[in-house]
């Protein structure tokens, strides 16, 4: 997957690289913060259900899609 993304980035122009890198950076930051808060809230008893990995994967996917869309609109 990493090699495929690297090869894909070689075909992008500068604007597309900027849009994708900003979307990835925002997604990574939000995933770390939300993942930690999700885990800690379970440890302290704020939520009753044990944290599931599927939920964070769905969150990452939605965050990346929205971030890419918003960045594309911002740079038009």
PDB file of N, CA and C in Angstrom:
ATOM      1  N   UNK A   1       0.824  -1.187   0.000  1.00  0.00           N
ATOM      2  CA  UNK A   1       0.000   0.000   0.000  1.00  0.00           C
ATOM      3  C   UNK A   1       0.874   1.260   0.000  1.00  0.00           C
ATOM      4  N   UNK A   2       1.925   1.242   0.783  1.00  0.00           N
ATOM      5  CA  UNK A   2       2.817   2.403   0.842  1.00  0.00           C
ATOM      6  C   UNK A   2       3.497   2.614  -0.505  1.00  0.00           C
ATOM      7  N   UNK A   3       3.945   1.539  -1.121  1.00  0.00           N
ATOM      8  CA  UNK A   3       4.611   1.644  -2.418  1.00  0.00           C
ATOM      9  C   UNK A   3       3.618   2.110  -3.487  1.00  0.00           C
ATOM     10  N   UNK A   4       2.394   1.632  -3.413  1.00  0.00           N
ATOM     11  CA  UNK A   4       1.378   2.056  -4.379  1.00  0.00           C
ATOM     12  C   UNK A   4       1.090   3.547  -4.242  1.00  0.00           C
ATOM     13  N   UNK A   5       0.989   4.042  -3.016  1.00  0.00           N
ATOM     14  CA  UNK A   5       0.770   5.476  -2.806  1.00  0.00           C
ATOM     15  C   UNK A   5       1.963   6.288  -3.283  1.00  0.00           C
ATOM     16  N   UNK A   6       3.162   5.799  -3.056  1.00  0.00           N
ATOM     17  CA  UNK A   6       4.363   6.501  -3.510  1.00  0.00           C
ATOM     18  C   UNK A   6       4.382   6.600  -5.031  1.00  0.00           C
ATOM     19  N   UNK A   7       4.061   5.515  -5.696  1.00  0.00           N
ATOM     20  CA  UNK A   7       4.015   5.526  -7.157  1.00  0.00           C
ATOM     21  C   UNK A   7       2.909   6.441  -7.678  1.00  0.00           C
ATOM     22  N   UNK A   8       1.786   6.467  -6.991  1.00  0.00           N
ATOM     23  CA  UNK A   8       0.689   7.332  -7.387  1.00  0.00           C
ATOM     24  C   UNK A   8       1.070   8.805  -7.230  1.00  0.00           C
ATOM     25  N   UNK A   9       1.763   9.127  -6.149  1.00  0.00           N
ATOM     26  CA  UNK A   9       2.181  10.504  -5.918  1.00  0.00           C
ATOM     27  C   UNK A   9       3.165  10.985  -6.982  1.00  0.00           C
ATOM     28  N   UNK A  10       3.916  10.098  -7.592  1.00  0.00           N
ATOM     29  CA  UNK A  10       4.846  10.491  -8.657  1.00  0.00           C
ATOM     30  C   UNK A  10       4.113  10.990  -9.899  1.00  0.00           C
ATOM     31  N   UNK A  11       2.838  10.627 -10.056  1.00  0.00           N
ATOM     32  CA  UNK A  11       2.065  11.033 -11.221  1.00  0.00           C
ATOM     33  C   UNK A  11       1.223  12.285 -10.961  1.00  0.00           C
ATOM     34  N   UNK A  12       1.159  12.742  -9.720  1.00  0.00           N
ATOM     35  CA  UNK A  12       0.366  13.929  -9.381  1.00  0.00           C
ATOM     36  C   UNK A  12       1.127  15.198  -9.732  1.00  0.00           C
ATOM     37  N   UNK A  13       0.373  16.264  -9.994  1.00  0.00           N
ATOM     38  CA  UNK A  13       0.996  17.576 -10.119  1.00  0.00           C
ATOM     39  C   UNK A  13       1.138  18.178  -8.714  1.00  0.00           C
ATOM     40  N   UNK A  14       1.728  19.355  -8.626  1.00  0.00           N
ATOM     41  CA  UNK A  14       2.028  19.952  -7.315  1.00  0.00           C
ATOM     42  C   UNK A  14       0.767  20.246  -6.504  1.00  0.00           C
ATOM     43  N   UNK A  15      -0.284  20.726  -7.158  1.00  0.00           N
ATOM     44  CA  UNK A  15      -1.515  21.045  -6.443  1.00  0.00           C
ATOM     45  C   UNK A  15      -2.170  19.790  -5.885  1.00  0.00           C
ATOM     46  N   UNK A  16      -2.210  18.744  -6.691  1.00  0.00           N
ATOM     47  CA  UNK A  16      -2.816  17.494  -6.222  1.00  0.00           C
ATOM     48  C   UNK A  16      -2.007  16.891  -5.075  1.00  0.00           C
ATOM     49  N   UNK A  17      -0.685  17.001  -5.133  1.00  0.00           N
ATOM     50  CA  UNK A  17       0.141  16.523  -4.023  1.00  0.00           C
ATOM     51  C   UNK A  17      -0.173  17.289  -2.755  1.00  0.00           C
ATOM     52  N   UNK A  18      -0.323  18.610  -2.865  1.00  0.00           N
ATOM     53  CA  UNK A  18      -0.631  19.441  -1.706  1.00  0.00           C
ATOM     54  C   UNK A  18      -1.989  19.064  -1.105  1.00  0.00           C
ATOM     55  N   UNK A  19      -2.984  18.873  -1.959  1.00  0.00           N
ATOM     56  CA  UNK A  19      -4.327  18.507  -1.496  1.00  0.00           C
ATOM     57  C   UNK A  19      -4.279  17.166  -0.761  1.00  0.00           C
ATOM     58  N   UNK A  20      -3.615  16.177  -1.332  1.00  0.00           N
ATOM     59  CA  UNK A  20      -3.569  14.849  -0.734  1.00  0.00           C
ATOM     60  C   UNK A  20      -2.772  14.839   0.572  1.00  0.00           C
ATOM     61  N   UNK A  21      -1.637  15.531   0.597  1.00  0.00           N
ATOM     62  CA  UNK A  21      -0.827  15.548   1.815  1.00  0.00           C
ATOM     63  C   UNK A  21      -1.537  16.260   2.958  1.00  0.00           C
ATOM     64  N   UNK A  22      -2.240  17.349   2.664  1.00  0.00           N
ATOM     65  CA  UNK A  22      -3.006  18.027   3.709  1.00  0.00           C
ATOM     66  C   UNK A  22      -4.144  17.152   4.217  1.00  0.00           C
ATOM     67  N   UNK A  23      -4.798  16.432   3.315  1.00  0.00           N
ATOM     68  CA  UNK A  23      -5.873  15.526   3.726  1.00  0.00           C
ATOM     69  C   UNK A  23      -5.330  14.390   4.591  1.00  0.00           C
ATOM     70  N   UNK A  24      -4.179  13.846   4.217  1.00  0.00           N
ATOM     71  CA  UNK A  24      -3.572  12.773   5.010  1.00  0.00           C
ATOM     72  C   UNK A  24      -3.129  13.267   6.380  1.00  0.00           C
ATOM     73  N   UNK A  25      -2.561  14.469   6.424  1.00  0.00           N
ATOM     74  CA  UNK A  25      -2.105  15.016   7.701  1.00  0.00           C
ATOM     75  C   UNK A  25      -3.275  15.256   8.640  1.00  0.00           C
ATOM     76  N   UNK A  26      -4.340  15.841   8.134  1.00  0.00           N
ATOM     77  CA  UNK A  26      -5.519  16.085   8.967  1.00  0.00           C
ATOM     78  C   UNK A  26      -6.138  14.775   9.439  1.00  0.00           C
ATOM     79  N   UNK A  27      -6.216  13.808   8.540  1.00  0.00           N
ATOM     80  CA  UNK A  27      -6.793  12.510   8.892  1.00  0.00           C
ATOM     81  C   UNK A  27      -5.964  11.810   9.967  1.00  0.00           C
ATOM     82  N   UNK A  28      -4.656  11.842   9.825  1.00  0.00           N
ATOM     83  CA  UNK A  28      -3.796  11.209  10.825  1.00  0.00           C
ATOM     84  C   UNK A  28      -3.951  11.879  12.185  1.00  0.00           C
ATOM     85  N   UNK A  29      -3.937  13.193  12.203  1.00  0.00           N
ATOM     86  CA  UNK A  29      -4.083  13.917  13.469  1.00  0.00           C
ATOM     87  C   UNK A  29      -5.412  13.625  14.149  1.00  0.00           C
ATOM     88  N   UNK A  30      -6.492  13.676  13.385  1.00  0.00           N
ATOM     89  CA  UNK A  30      -7.804  13.395  13.961  1.00  0.00           C
ATOM     90  C   UNK A  30      -7.931  11.949  14.409  1.00  0.00           C
ATOM     91  N   UNK A  31      -7.363  11.025  13.653  1.00  0.00           N
ATOM     92  CA  UNK A  31      -7.445   9.613  14.022  1.00  0.00           C
ATOM     93  C   UNK A  31      -6.720   9.347  15.338  1.00  0.00           C
ATOM     94  N   UNK A  32      -5.572   9.960  15.522  1.00  0.00           N
ATOM     95  CA  UNK A  32      -4.825   9.767  16.771  1.00  0.00           C
ATOM     96  C   UNK A  32      -5.608  10.346  17.947  1.00  0.00           C
ATOM     97  N   UNK A  33      -6.082  11.570  17.799  1.00  0.00           N
ATOM     98  CA  UNK A  33      -6.811  12.209  18.901  1.00  0.00           C
ATOM     99  C   UNK A  33      -8.099  11.462  19.220  1.00  0.00           C
ATOM    100  N   UNK A  34      -8.894  11.172  18.206  1.00  0.00           N
ATOM    101  CA  UNK A  34     -10.168  10.475  18.438  1.00  0.00           C
ATOM    102  C   UNK A  34      -9.926   9.055  18.953  1.00  0.00           C
ATOM    103  N   UNK A  35      -8.924   8.372  18.434  1.00  0.00           N
ATOM    104  CA  UNK A  35      -8.625   7.021  18.914  1.00  0.00           C
ATOM    105  C   UNK A  35      -8.215   6.993  20.377  1.00  0.00           C
ATOM    106  N   UNK A  36      -7.388   7.949  20.771  1.00  0.00           N
ATOM    107  CA  UNK A  36      -6.965   8.013  22.178  1.00  0.00           C
ATOM    108  C   UNK A  36      -8.138   8.366  23.083  1.00  0.00           C
ATOM    109  N   UNK A  37      -8.934   9.345  22.672  1.00  0.00           N
ATOM    110  CA  UNK A  37     -10.096   9.731  23.478  1.00  0.00           C
ATOM    111  C   UNK A  37     -11.078   8.570  23.597  1.00  0.00           C
ATOM    112  N   UNK A  38     -11.262   7.844  22.510  1.00  0.00           N
ATOM    113  CA  UNK A  38     -12.169   6.694  22.510  1.00  0.00           C
ATOM    114  C   UNK A  38     -11.693   5.616  23.481  1.00  0.00           C
ATOM    115  N   UNK A  39     -10.415   5.324  23.460  1.00  0.00           N
ATOM    116  CA  UNK A  39      -9.857   4.310  24.359  1.00  0.00           C
ATOM    117  C   UNK A  39      -9.888   4.762  25.817  1.00  0.00           C
ATOM    118  N   UNK A  40      -9.504   5.985  26.067  1.00  0.00           N
ATOM    119  CA  UNK A  40      -9.463   6.501  27.442  1.00  0.00           C
ATOM    120  C   UNK A  40     -10.873   6.615  28.020  1.00  0.00           C
ATOM    121  N   UNK A  41     -11.842   6.996  27.195  1.00  0.00           N
ATOM    122  CA  UNK A  41     -13.214   7.105  27.696  1.00  0.00           C
ATOM    123  C   UNK A  41     -13.756   5.741  28.123  1.00  0.00           C
ATOM    124  N   UNK A  42     -13.332   4.680  27.464  1.00  0.00           N
ATOM    125  CA  UNK A  42     -13.728   3.342  27.899  1.00  0.00           C
ATOM    126  C   UNK A  42     -13.029   2.977  29.206  1.00  0.00           C
ATOM    127  N   UNK A  43     -11.743   3.315  29.308  1.00  0.00           N
ATOM    128  CA  UNK A  43     -10.990   2.985  30.517  1.00  0.00           C
ATOM    129  C   UNK A  43     -11.559   3.682  31.756  1.00  0.00           C
ATOM    130  N   UNK A  44     -12.058   4.892  31.586  1.00  0.00           N
ATOM    131  CA  UNK A  44     -12.612   5.634  32.716  1.00  0.00           C
ATOM    132  C   UNK A  44     -14.104   5.406  32.907  1.00  0.00           C
ATOM    133  N   UNK A  45     -14.721   4.567  32.093  1.00  0.00           N
ATOM    134  CA  UNK A  45     -16.118   4.205  32.273  1.00  0.00           C
ATOM    135  C   UNK A  45     -17.110   5.183  31.683  1.00  0.00           C
ATOM    136  N   UNK A  46     -16.658   6.074  30.823  1.00  0.00           N
ATOM    137  CA  UNK A  46     -17.574   7.028  30.202  1.00  0.00           C
ATOM    138  C   UNK A  46     -18.481   6.317  29.203  1.00  0.00           C
ATOM    139  N   UNK A  47     -17.918   5.378  28.453  1.00  0.00           N
ATOM    140  CA  UNK A  47     -18.718   4.557  27.553  1.00  0.00           C
ATOM    141  C   UNK A  47     -18.650   3.120  28.033  1.00  0.00           C
ATOM    142  N   UNK A  48     -19.705   2.373  27.770  1.00  0.00           N
ATOM    143  CA  UNK A  48     -19.776   1.003  28.272  1.00  0.00           C
ATOM    144  C   UNK A  48     -19.266  -0.032  27.281  1.00  0.00           C
ATOM    145  N   UNK A  49     -19.387   0.250  25.988  1.00  0.00           N
ATOM    146  CA  UNK A  49     -18.968  -0.738  25.000  1.00  0.00           C
ATOM    147  C   UNK A  49     -17.472  -0.628  24.754  1.00  0.00           C
ATOM    148  N   UNK A  50     -16.850  -1.785  24.610  1.00  0.00           N
ATOM    149  CA  UNK A  50     -15.403  -1.803  24.369  1.00  0.00           C
ATOM    150  C   UNK A  50     -15.089  -1.219  22.993  1.00  0.00           C
ATOM    151  N   UNK A  51     -14.025  -0.421  22.882  1.00  0.00           N
ATOM    152  CA  UNK A  51     -13.667   0.192  21.594  1.00  0.00           C
ATOM    153  C   UNK A  51     -13.385  -0.859  20.527  1.00  0.00           C
ATOM    154  N   UNK A  52     -13.945  -0.648  19.366  1.00  0.00           N
ATOM    155  CA  UNK A  52     -13.777  -1.555  18.243  1.00  0.00           C
ATOM    156  C   UNK A  52     -12.932  -0.881  17.172  1.00  0.00           C
ATOM    157  N   UNK A  53     -12.055  -1.635  16.548  1.00  0.00           N
ATOM    158  CA  UNK A  53     -11.200  -1.106  15.503  1.00  0.00           C
ATOM    159  C   UNK A  53     -11.955  -0.698  14.252  1.00  0.00           C
ATOM    160  N   UNK A  54     -13.082  -1.342  14.013  1.00  0.00           N
ATOM    161  CA  UNK A  54     -13.863  -1.027  12.821  1.00  0.00           C
ATOM    162  C   UNK A  54     -14.357   0.408  12.849  1.00  0.00           C
ATOM    163  N   UNK A  55     -14.706   0.899  14.024  1.00  0.00           N
ATOM    164  CA  UNK A  55     -15.226   2.259  14.130  1.00  0.00           C
ATOM    165  C   UNK A  55     -14.164   3.295  13.793  1.00  0.00           C
ATOM    166  N   UNK A  56     -12.952   3.065  14.224  1.00  0.00           N
ATOM    167  CA  UNK A  56     -11.888   4.025  13.926  1.00  0.00           C
ATOM    168  C   UNK A  56     -11.520   3.966  12.442  1.00  0.00           C
ATOM    169  N   UNK A  57     -11.610   2.789  11.823  1.00  0.00           N
ATOM    170  CA  UNK A  57     -11.347   2.675  10.389  1.00  0.00           C
ATOM    171  C   UNK A  57     -12.418   3.432   9.597  1.00  0.00           C
ATOM    172  N   UNK A  58     -13.658   3.309   9.996  1.00  0.00           N
ATOM    173  CA  UNK A  58     -14.744   4.057   9.343  1.00  0.00           C
ATOM    174  C   UNK A  58     -14.532   5.550   9.533  1.00  0.00           C
ATOM    175  N   UNK A  59     -14.150   5.958  10.742  1.00  0.00           N
ATOM    176  CA  UNK A  59     -13.885   7.371  11.002  1.00  0.00           C
ATOM    177  C   UNK A  59     -12.756   7.894  10.122  1.00  0.00           C
ATOM    178  N   UNK A  60     -11.678   7.133   9.994  1.00  0.00           N
ATOM    179  CA  UNK A  60     -10.554   7.540   9.161  1.00  0.00           C
ATOM    180  C   UNK A  60     -10.996   7.680   7.704  1.00  0.00           C
ATOM    181  N   UNK A  61     -11.773   6.736   7.210  1.00  0.00           N
ATOM    182  CA  UNK A  61     -12.228   6.783   5.819  1.00  0.00           C
ATOM    183  C   UNK A  61     -13.078   8.014   5.555  1.00  0.00           C
ATOM    184  N   UNK A  62     -14.029   8.272   6.427  1.00  0.00           N
ATOM    185  CA  UNK A  62     -14.906   9.433   6.258  1.00  0.00           C
ATOM    186  C   UNK A  62     -14.113  10.729   6.368  1.00  0.00           C
ATOM    187  N   UNK A  63     -13.212  10.796   7.320  1.00  0.00           N
ATOM    188  CA  UNK A  63     -12.402  11.989   7.510  1.00  0.00           C
ATOM    189  C   UNK A  63     -11.539  12.263   6.281  1.00  0.00           C
ATOM    190  N   UNK A  64     -10.942  11.245   5.701  1.00  0.00           N
ATOM    191  CA  UNK A  64     -10.089  11.420   4.520  1.00  0.00           C
ATOM    192  C   UNK A  64     -10.899  11.883   3.313  1.00  0.00           C
ATOM    193  N   UNK A  65     -12.054  11.292   3.111  1.00  0.00           N
ATOM    194  CA  UNK A  65     -12.903  11.671   1.986  1.00  0.00           C
ATOM    195  C   UNK A  65     -13.361  13.116   2.108  1.00  0.00           C
ATOM    196  N   UNK A  66     -13.841  13.487   3.289  1.00  0.00           N
ATOM    197  CA  UNK A  66     -14.314  14.858   3.504  1.00  0.00           C
ATOM    198  C   UNK A  66     -13.168  15.848   3.388  1.00  0.00           C
ATOM    199  N   UNK A  67     -12.037  15.529   3.950  1.00  0.00           N
ATOM    200  CA  UNK A  67     -10.888  16.423   3.897  1.00  0.00           C
ATOM    201  C   UNK A  67     -10.390  16.609   2.466  1.00  0.00           C
ATOM    202  N   UNK A  68     -10.345  15.555   1.683  1.00  0.00           N
ATOM    203  CA  UNK A  68      -9.937  15.667   0.282  1.00  0.00           C
ATOM    204  C   UNK A  68     -10.926  16.525  -0.498  1.00  0.00           C
ATOM    205  N   UNK A  69     -12.202  16.323  -0.256  1.00  0.00           N
ATOM    206  CA  UNK A  69     -13.220  17.110  -0.940  1.00  0.00           C
ATOM    207  C   UNK A  69     -13.117  18.590  -0.583  1.00  0.00           C
ATOM    208  N   UNK A  70     -12.980  18.892   0.710  1.00  0.00           N
ATOM    209  CA  UNK A  70     -12.881  20.291   1.131  1.00  0.00           C
ATOM    210  C   UNK A  70     -11.603  20.957   0.629  1.00  0.00           C
ATOM    211  N   UNK A  71     -10.500  20.254   0.641  1.00  0.00           N
ATOM    212  CA  UNK A  71      -9.258  20.807   0.107  1.00  0.00           C
ATOM    213  C   UNK A  71      -9.354  21.047  -1.392  1.00  0.00           C
ATOM    214  N   UNK A  72     -10.006  20.159  -2.119  1.00  0.00           N
ATOM    215  CA  UNK A  72     -10.181  20.353  -3.555  1.00  0.00           C
ATOM    216  C   UNK A  72     -11.005  21.599  -3.846  1.00  0.00           C
ATOM    217  N   UNK A  73     -12.044  21.804  -3.071  1.00  0.00           N
ATOM    218  CA  UNK A  73     -12.882  22.991  -3.260  1.00  0.00           C
ATOM    219  C   UNK A  73     -12.144  24.257  -2.866  1.00  0.00           C
ATOM    220  N   UNK A  74     -11.307  24.177  -1.850  1.00  0.00           N
ATOM    221  CA  UNK A  74     -10.587  25.354  -1.384  1.00  0.00           C
ATOM    222  C   UNK A  74      -9.575  25.836  -2.406  1.00  0.00           C
ATOM    223  N   UNK A  75      -8.941  24.939  -3.136  1.00  0.00           N
ATOM    224  CA  UNK A  75      -7.880  25.312  -4.066  1.00  0.00           C
ATOM    225  C   UNK A  75      -8.374  25.500  -5.502  1.00  0.00           C
ATOM    226  N   UNK A  76      -9.667  25.570  -5.732  1.00  0.00           N
ATOM    227  CA  UNK A  76     -10.166  25.805  -7.105  1.00  0.00           C
ATOM    228  C   UNK A  76     -10.065  27.244  -7.459  1.00  0.00           C
TER     229      UNK A  76
END
